Amino acid sequence: MNCVACGNDNVTIEMMQAGGRTRTHGTGLGGKTNNMARGMTAVSTLGMSNLVWKKSKGTEKMKYKNQKVALCQTCGHDWSIR
């Protein structure tokens, strides 16, 4: 493969991270019930139970997009490859 800018064949190809997205899912009925019971217990213990009983949170999943990028070692020009 030759560089599109200078025509040299000293080119490396690598996978680079182009972007990402986070998806969140809710706590559901069990998590909401847990959070409600936690709140009621916190009121009766003046907030001391919150030191040990943590709030239920939803789950998160990260999804990344990768793309191939070529980099000329001579002139430093980079471009994406399909």
Protein backbone atom coordinates (compact mmCIF):
# COMPACT_ATOMS: atom_id res chain seq x y z
CA MET A 1 0.00 0.00 0.00
CA ASN A 2 1.29 3.44 -0.91
CA CYS A 3 0.69 6.77 0.80
CA VAL A 4 -1.84 8.95 -1.00
CA ALA A 5 0.12 12.11 -0.14
CA CYS A 6 3.77 11.28 -0.85
CA GLY A 7 3.58 7.89 -2.65
CA ASN A 8 5.95 6.12 -0.23
CA ASP A 9 5.23 2.47 0.66
CA ASN A 10 6.28 2.77 4.34
CA VAL A 11 2.69 2.59 5.67
CA THR A 12 1.34 0.97 8.85
CA ILE A 13 -2.28 -0.05 9.33
CA GLU A 14 -3.91 -0.17 12.75
CA MET A 15 -7.34 -0.30 14.34
CA MET A 16 -8.36 2.90 16.12
CA GLN A 17 -11.35 3.64 18.29
CA ALA A 18 -13.65 6.00 16.39
CA GLY A 19 -16.42 6.52 18.94
CA GLY A 20 -18.53 4.96 21.62
CA ARG A 21 -22.00 4.94 23.08
CA THR A 22 -23.30 4.14 26.55
CA ARG A 23 -26.59 2.36 26.98
CA THR A 24 -28.28 2.41 30.36
CA HIS A 25 -31.01 0.10 31.60
CA GLY A 26 -33.33 0.94 34.48
CA THR A 27 -33.47 -0.69 37.88
CA GLY A 28 -36.77 -2.49 37.28
CA LEU A 29 -39.48 -3.27 39.82
CA GLY A 30 -37.14 -5.00 42.28
CA GLY A 31 -34.70 -2.10 42.26
CA LYS A 32 -37.45 0.48 42.79
CA THR A 33 -38.84 -1.56 45.69
CA ASN A 34 -35.34 -1.79 47.16
CA ASN A 35 -34.84 1.97 46.85
CA MET A 36 -38.22 2.66 48.47
CA ALA A 37 -37.45 0.33 51.41
CA ARG A 38 -34.03 1.96 51.72
CA GLY A 39 -35.65 5.39 51.91
CA MET A 40 -38.14 4.31 54.58
CA THR A 41 -35.35 2.75 56.65
CA ALA A 42 -33.25 5.90 56.25
CA VAL A 43 -36.07 8.04 57.63
CA SER A 44 -36.47 5.83 60.69
CA THR A 45 -32.71 5.59 61.40
CA LEU A 46 -32.05 9.30 60.67
CA GLY A 47 -29.97 8.45 57.61
CA MET A 48 -27.49 6.11 59.31
CA SER A 49 -28.64 3.09 57.27
CA ASN A 50 -27.50 4.83 54.07
CA LEU A 51 -23.90 4.28 55.14
CA VAL A 52 -24.24 0.53 54.52
CA TRP A 53 -27.29 0.11 52.28
CA LYS A 54 -26.49 1.49 48.86
CA LYS A 55 -28.95 2.67 46.24
CA SER A 56 -29.82 0.30 43.39
CA LYS A 57 -28.60 1.66 40.08
CA GLY A 58 -29.25 0.49 36.56
CA THR A 59 -26.71 -1.26 34.40
CA GLU A 60 -24.54 0.38 31.75
CA LYS A 61 -23.07 -1.13 28.61
CA MET A 62 -20.43 0.57 26.49
CA LYS A 63 -20.29 -0.13 22.78
CA TYR A 64 -17.29 1.09 20.76
CA LYS A 65 -16.85 1.60 17.03
CA ASN A 66 -13.47 0.78 15.52
CA GLN A 67 -12.06 1.70 12.14
CA LYS A 68 -8.93 0.87 10.16
CA VAL A 69 -6.50 3.76 9.80
CA ALA A 70 -3.38 3.82 7.65
CA LEU A 71 -0.44 5.99 8.74
CA CYS A 72 2.49 6.95 6.54
CA GLN A 73 5.74 6.62 8.48
CA THR A 74 7.51 9.09 6.19
CA CYS A 75 5.24 12.14 5.96
CA GLY A 76 2.79 11.42 8.83
CA HIS A 77 -0.36 11.54 6.69
CA ASP A 78 -3.21 9.33 7.93
CA TRP A 79 -6.42 8.17 6.25
CA SER A 80 -9.19 5.71 6.92
CA ILE A 81 -9.51 2.41 5.06
CA ARG A 82 -12.72 0.58 4.34
